[in-house]
Amino acid sequence: MKKFKLKVPKYSFDHEGMIIRGKLRDCEHIVDVYARDICDDNMDIMSKANIIQCMASGNDFAWRYELDELEPLEQIKLTRLDYEMLKLLKNKVLNIFVETKAD
């Protein structure tokens, strides 16, 4: 499960800045979040009415959020291979830019 901060409220019970803890779907751009997790993580900023709205479909109901509505709270972990590949790509792009600029 990954943690996010809500940038854009989507549902009636949402508040900007809520903590969203959920699981990325296979499509890689949608996060499923259980109602009980939303309420547990955000009890301090949700009203009683917000909690009732969130739990209306059951505590195991999965609300869906798009990744562009969320801001990651955890750092992305890179392997050494990923890091070296990024360095190589950066150097190639810089070389292409310099060659294009010289022409």
N, C-alpha and C. Protein backbone atom coordinates (compact mmCIF):
# COMPACT_ATOMS: atom_id res chain seq x y z
N MET A 1 0.84 -1.18 0.00
CA MET A 1 0.00 0.00 0.00
C MET A 1 0.89 1.24 0.00
N LYS A 2 0.48 2.20 -0.79
CA LYS A 2 1.24 3.44 -0.91
C LYS A 2 0.44 4.58 -0.30
N LYS A 3 1.17 5.59 0.18
CA LYS A 3 0.54 6.76 0.80
C LYS A 3 0.63 7.95 -0.14
N PHE A 4 -0.49 8.70 -0.19
CA PHE A 4 -0.58 9.89 -1.02
C PHE A 4 -1.26 11.00 -0.23
N LYS A 5 -1.13 12.21 -0.73
CA LYS A 5 -1.84 13.36 -0.19
C LYS A 5 -2.79 13.83 -1.29
N LEU A 6 -4.05 14.06 -0.94
CA LEU A 6 -5.07 14.44 -1.91
C LEU A 6 -4.89 15.90 -2.33
N LYS A 7 -4.70 16.12 -3.63
CA LYS A 7 -4.56 17.48 -4.16
C LYS A 7 -5.91 18.05 -4.59
N VAL A 8 -6.73 17.21 -5.22
CA VAL A 8 -8.01 17.66 -5.79
C VAL A 8 -9.15 16.81 -5.20
N PRO A 9 -10.02 17.41 -4.38
CA PRO A 9 -11.15 16.65 -3.84
C PRO A 9 -12.04 16.12 -4.95
N LYS A 10 -12.45 14.85 -4.83
CA LYS A 10 -13.24 14.20 -5.87
C LYS A 10 -14.64 13.86 -5.37
N TYR A 11 -14.74 13.34 -4.16
CA TYR A 11 -16.01 12.91 -3.61
C TYR A 11 -16.51 13.93 -2.59
N SER A 12 -17.78 13.80 -2.20
CA SER A 12 -18.39 14.79 -1.30
C SER A 12 -17.72 14.84 0.07
N PHE A 13 -17.11 13.77 0.50
CA PHE A 13 -16.47 13.72 1.81
C PHE A 13 -14.99 14.11 1.78
N ASP A 14 -14.45 14.34 0.60
CA ASP A 14 -13.03 14.65 0.46
C ASP A 14 -12.68 16.06 0.92
N HIS A 15 -11.46 16.20 1.41
CA HIS A 15 -10.89 17.50 1.78
C HIS A 15 -9.48 17.55 1.20
N GLU A 16 -9.09 18.70 0.72
CA GLU A 16 -7.74 18.85 0.20
C GLU A 16 -6.74 18.58 1.33
N GLY A 17 -5.71 17.79 1.02
CA GLY A 17 -4.70 17.46 2.02
C GLY A 17 -4.95 16.18 2.78
N MET A 18 -6.05 15.48 2.48
CA MET A 18 -6.33 14.20 3.14
C MET A 18 -5.24 13.19 2.82
N ILE A 19 -5.00 12.28 3.74
CA ILE A 19 -4.06 11.19 3.52
C ILE A 19 -4.83 10.06 2.83
N ILE A 20 -4.30 9.61 1.71
CA ILE A 20 -4.91 8.52 0.95
C ILE A 20 -3.92 7.36 0.94
N ARG A 21 -4.32 6.24 1.53
CA ARG A 21 -3.47 5.06 1.59
C ARG A 21 -4.17 3.95 0.82
N GLY A 22 -3.57 3.56 -0.31
CA GLY A 22 -4.25 2.57 -1.13
C GLY A 22 -3.31 1.77 -1.99
N LYS A 23 -3.91 0.97 -2.84
CA LYS A 23 -3.18 0.03 -3.68
C LYS A 23 -3.33 0.46 -5.14
N LEU A 24 -2.19 0.53 -5.85
CA LEU A 24 -2.22 0.85 -7.28
C LEU A 24 -2.82 -0.32 -8.04
N ARG A 25 -3.73 -0.02 -8.95
CA ARG A 25 -4.31 -1.05 -9.80
C ARG A 25 -3.32 -1.44 -10.90
N ASP A 26 -3.63 -2.46 -11.63
CA ASP A 26 -2.75 -2.94 -12.70
C ASP A 26 -2.56 -1.89 -13.81
N CYS A 27 -3.55 -1.02 -13.99
CA CYS A 27 -3.46 -0.01 -15.06
C CYS A 27 -2.45 1.10 -14.71
N GLU A 28 -1.96 1.13 -13.47
CA GLU A 28 -0.90 2.05 -13.02
C GLU A 28 -1.30 3.52 -12.91
N HIS A 29 -2.56 3.89 -13.10
CA HIS A 29 -2.94 5.29 -12.91
C HIS A 29 -4.17 5.47 -12.02
N ILE A 30 -4.62 4.37 -11.42
CA ILE A 30 -5.76 4.42 -10.50
C ILE A 30 -5.35 3.76 -9.18
N VAL A 31 -5.76 4.40 -8.08
CA VAL A 31 -5.47 3.89 -6.74
C VAL A 31 -6.80 3.51 -6.08
N ASP A 32 -6.89 2.27 -5.60
CA ASP A 32 -8.06 1.81 -4.85
C ASP A 32 -7.80 2.04 -3.37
N VAL A 33 -8.77 2.70 -2.70
CA VAL A 33 -8.62 3.03 -1.28
C VAL A 33 -9.88 2.56 -0.55
N TYR A 34 -9.68 1.75 0.49
CA TYR A 34 -10.82 1.27 1.27
C TYR A 34 -11.38 2.39 2.15
N ALA A 35 -12.71 2.38 2.29
CA ALA A 35 -13.40 3.40 3.07
C ALA A 35 -12.87 3.44 4.50
N ARG A 36 -12.62 2.28 5.10
CA ARG A 36 -12.14 2.25 6.49
C ARG A 36 -10.77 2.92 6.62
N ASP A 37 -9.92 2.77 5.60
CA ASP A 37 -8.60 3.40 5.64
C ASP A 37 -8.71 4.92 5.53
N ILE A 38 -9.61 5.38 4.67
CA ILE A 38 -9.82 6.83 4.54
C ILE A 38 -10.24 7.42 5.88
N CYS A 39 -11.22 6.78 6.51
CA CYS A 39 -11.74 7.29 7.79
C CYS A 39 -10.71 7.19 8.91
N ASP A 40 -9.98 6.08 8.97
CA ASP A 40 -8.95 5.92 10.01
C ASP A 40 -7.84 6.96 9.88
N ASP A 41 -7.41 7.21 8.66
CA ASP A 41 -6.29 8.12 8.43
C ASP A 41 -6.68 9.60 8.55
N ASN A 42 -7.97 9.91 8.41
CA ASN A 42 -8.39 11.31 8.34
C ASN A 42 -9.48 11.68 9.34
N MET A 43 -9.59 10.93 10.42
CA MET A 43 -10.63 11.22 11.43
C MET A 43 -10.54 12.64 11.97
N ASP A 44 -9.34 13.18 12.05
CA ASP A 44 -9.17 14.51 12.62
C ASP A 44 -9.69 15.63 11.72
N ILE A 45 -9.81 15.38 10.41
CA ILE A 45 -10.28 16.46 9.52
C ILE A 45 -11.65 16.17 8.91
N MET A 46 -12.18 14.96 9.13
CA MET A 46 -13.49 14.61 8.59
C MET A 46 -14.57 14.82 9.65
N SER A 47 -15.71 15.36 9.22
CA SER A 47 -16.84 15.51 10.13
C SER A 47 -17.58 14.17 10.23
N LYS A 48 -18.50 14.09 11.15
CA LYS A 48 -19.29 12.87 11.31
C LYS A 48 -20.08 12.58 10.03
N ALA A 49 -20.60 13.63 9.40
CA ALA A 49 -21.35 13.46 8.15
C ALA A 49 -20.44 12.95 7.03
N ASN A 50 -19.20 13.45 6.99
CA ASN A 50 -18.23 12.97 5.99
C ASN A 50 -17.94 11.49 6.17
N ILE A 51 -17.78 11.06 7.41
CA ILE A 51 -17.48 9.65 7.70
C ILE A 51 -18.66 8.77 7.30
N ILE A 52 -19.88 9.22 7.58
CA ILE A 52 -21.08 8.47 7.21
C ILE A 52 -21.17 8.35 5.68
N GLN A 53 -20.88 9.45 4.95
CA GLN A 53 -20.90 9.42 3.49
C GLN A 53 -19.85 8.45 2.95
N CYS A 54 -18.68 8.47 3.54
CA CYS A 54 -17.59 7.60 3.09
C CYS A 54 -17.92 6.13 3.32
N MET A 55 -18.54 5.82 4.46
CA MET A 55 -18.84 4.45 4.84
C MET A 55 -20.20 3.95 4.32
N ALA A 56 -20.92 4.79 3.59
CA ALA A 56 -22.28 4.45 3.15
C ALA A 56 -22.34 3.14 2.36
N SER A 57 -21.32 2.84 1.58
CA SER A 57 -21.31 1.61 0.78
C SER A 57 -20.60 0.46 1.49
N GLY A 58 -20.25 0.66 2.74
CA GLY A 58 -19.58 -0.38 3.52
C GLY A 58 -18.12 -0.05 3.76
N ASN A 59 -17.56 -0.60 4.83
CA ASN A 59 -16.18 -0.27 5.18
C ASN A 59 -15.16 -0.94 4.26
N ASP A 60 -15.58 -1.98 3.51
CA ASP A 60 -14.68 -2.64 2.56
C ASP A 60 -14.84 -2.11 1.13
N PHE A 61 -15.66 -1.06 0.97
CA PHE A 61 -15.84 -0.47 -0.36
C PHE A 61 -14.57 0.25 -0.77
N ALA A 62 -14.15 0.05 -2.02
CA ALA A 62 -12.92 0.67 -2.53
C ALA A 62 -13.27 1.90 -3.37
N TRP A 63 -12.88 3.06 -2.87
CA TRP A 63 -13.02 4.30 -3.61
C TRP A 63 -11.84 4.40 -4.56
N ARG A 64 -12.06 4.95 -5.75
CA ARG A 64 -11.00 5.03 -6.75
C ARG A 64 -10.57 6.49 -6.96
N TYR A 65 -9.26 6.66 -6.98
CA TYR A 65 -8.66 7.98 -7.21
C TYR A 65 -7.67 7.87 -8.36
N GLU A 66 -7.64 8.90 -9.21
CA GLU A 66 -6.67 8.98 -10.29
C GLU A 66 -5.34 9.47 -9.70
N LEU A 67 -4.23 9.00 -10.24
CA LEU A 67 -2.92 9.41 -9.74
C LEU A 67 -2.66 10.90 -9.89
N ASP A 68 -3.25 11.53 -10.92
CA ASP A 68 -3.01 12.96 -11.10
C ASP A 68 -3.74 13.82 -10.06
N GLU A 69 -4.65 13.21 -9.27
CA GLU A 69 -5.33 13.90 -8.18
C GLU A 69 -4.55 13.78 -6.87
N LEU A 70 -3.48 12.98 -6.88
CA LEU A 70 -2.74 12.66 -5.66
C LEU A 70 -1.29 13.09 -5.76
N GLU A 71 -0.72 13.36 -4.60
CA GLU A 71 0.70 13.70 -4.49
C GLU A 71 1.38 12.62 -3.64
N PRO A 72 2.40 11.96 -4.18
CA PRO A 72 3.05 10.88 -3.41
C PRO A 72 3.70 11.39 -2.13
N LEU A 73 3.58 10.63 -1.06
CA LEU A 73 4.21 10.97 0.21
C LEU A 73 5.45 10.14 0.47
N GLU A 74 5.64 9.10 -0.32
CA GLU A 74 6.79 8.23 -0.17
C GLU A 74 7.75 8.47 -1.32
N GLN A 75 9.03 8.37 -1.05
CA GLN A 75 10.02 8.55 -2.09
C GLN A 75 10.07 7.32 -2.99
N ILE A 76 10.38 7.57 -4.26
CA ILE A 76 10.53 6.49 -5.21
C ILE A 76 11.91 5.88 -5.01
N LYS A 77 11.97 4.58 -4.93
CA LYS A 77 13.25 3.89 -4.71
C LYS A 77 13.81 3.44 -6.05
N LEU A 78 15.06 3.83 -6.32
CA LEU A 78 15.74 3.44 -7.54
C LEU A 78 16.82 2.43 -7.23
N THR A 79 16.96 1.45 -8.10
CA THR A 79 18.07 0.52 -7.96
C THR A 79 19.30 1.17 -8.58
N ARG A 80 20.43 0.60 -8.35
CA ARG A 80 21.67 1.13 -8.95
C ARG A 80 21.59 1.08 -10.47
N LEU A 81 21.00 0.03 -11.01
CA LEU A 81 20.85 -0.09 -12.46
C LEU A 81 19.96 1.03 -13.01
N ASP A 82 18.84 1.31 -12.33
CA ASP A 82 17.97 2.40 -12.75
C ASP A 82 18.72 3.73 -12.75
N TYR A 83 19.50 3.96 -11.72
CA TYR A 83 20.26 5.20 -11.60
C TYR A 83 21.26 5.34 -12.75
N GLU A 84 21.98 4.27 -13.04
CA GLU A 84 22.97 4.31 -14.13
C GLU A 84 22.29 4.51 -15.48
N MET A 85 21.13 3.91 -15.69
CA MET A 85 20.39 4.09 -16.94
C MET A 85 19.93 5.55 -17.09
N LEU A 86 19.47 6.15 -16.01
CA LEU A 86 19.06 7.56 -16.06
C LEU A 86 20.25 8.47 -16.38
N LYS A 87 21.39 8.18 -15.80
CA LYS A 87 22.60 8.97 -16.09
C LYS A 87 22.96 8.85 -17.57
N LEU A 88 22.92 7.64 -18.11
CA LEU A 88 23.25 7.40 -19.51
C LEU A 88 22.29 8.15 -20.43
N LEU A 89 21.00 8.07 -20.13
CA LEU A 89 20.01 8.78 -20.94
C LEU A 89 20.21 10.30 -20.87
N LYS A 90 20.52 10.80 -19.70
CA LYS A 90 20.75 12.24 -19.53
C LYS A 90 21.93 12.68 -20.39
N ASN A 91 23.01 11.91 -20.38
CA ASN A 91 24.18 12.26 -21.18
C ASN A 91 23.87 12.22 -22.67
N LYS A 92 23.10 11.22 -23.11
CA LYS A 92 22.73 11.13 -24.52
C LYS A 92 21.89 12.32 -24.95
N VAL A 93 20.93 12.69 -24.11
CA VAL A 93 20.08 13.84 -24.43
C VAL A 93 20.91 15.12 -24.50
N LEU A 94 21.83 15.29 -23.56
CA LEU A 94 22.70 16.47 -23.58
C LEU A 94 23.55 16.50 -24.84
N ASN A 95 24.08 15.36 -25.26
CA ASN A 95 24.88 15.30 -26.49
C ASN A 95 24.05 15.66 -27.71
N ILE A 96 22.83 15.16 -27.78
CA ILE A 96 21.95 15.49 -28.90
C ILE A 96 21.64 16.98 -28.90
N PHE A 97 21.39 17.55 -27.74
CA PHE A 97 21.09 18.98 -27.61
C PHE A 97 22.28 19.82 -28.08
N VAL A 98 23.49 19.45 -27.66
CA VAL A 98 24.69 20.19 -28.04
C VAL A 98 24.93 20.08 -29.54
N GLU A 99 24.74 18.91 -30.12
CA GLU A 99 24.90 18.72 -31.56
C GLU A 99 23.90 19.55 -32.35
N THR A 100 22.66 19.57 -31.87
CA THR A 100 21.61 20.34 -32.55
C THR A 100 21.90 21.84 -32.43
N LYS A 101 22.36 22.25 -31.29
CA LYS A 101 22.67 23.67 -31.04
C LYS A 101 23.85 24.11 -31.91
N ALA A 102 24.83 23.22 -32.14
CA ALA A 102 26.01 23.55 -32.93
C ALA A 102 25.65 23.72 -34.42
N ASP A 103 24.63 23.03 -34.88
CA ASP A 103 24.23 23.13 -36.29
C ASP A 103 23.48 24.38 -36.50
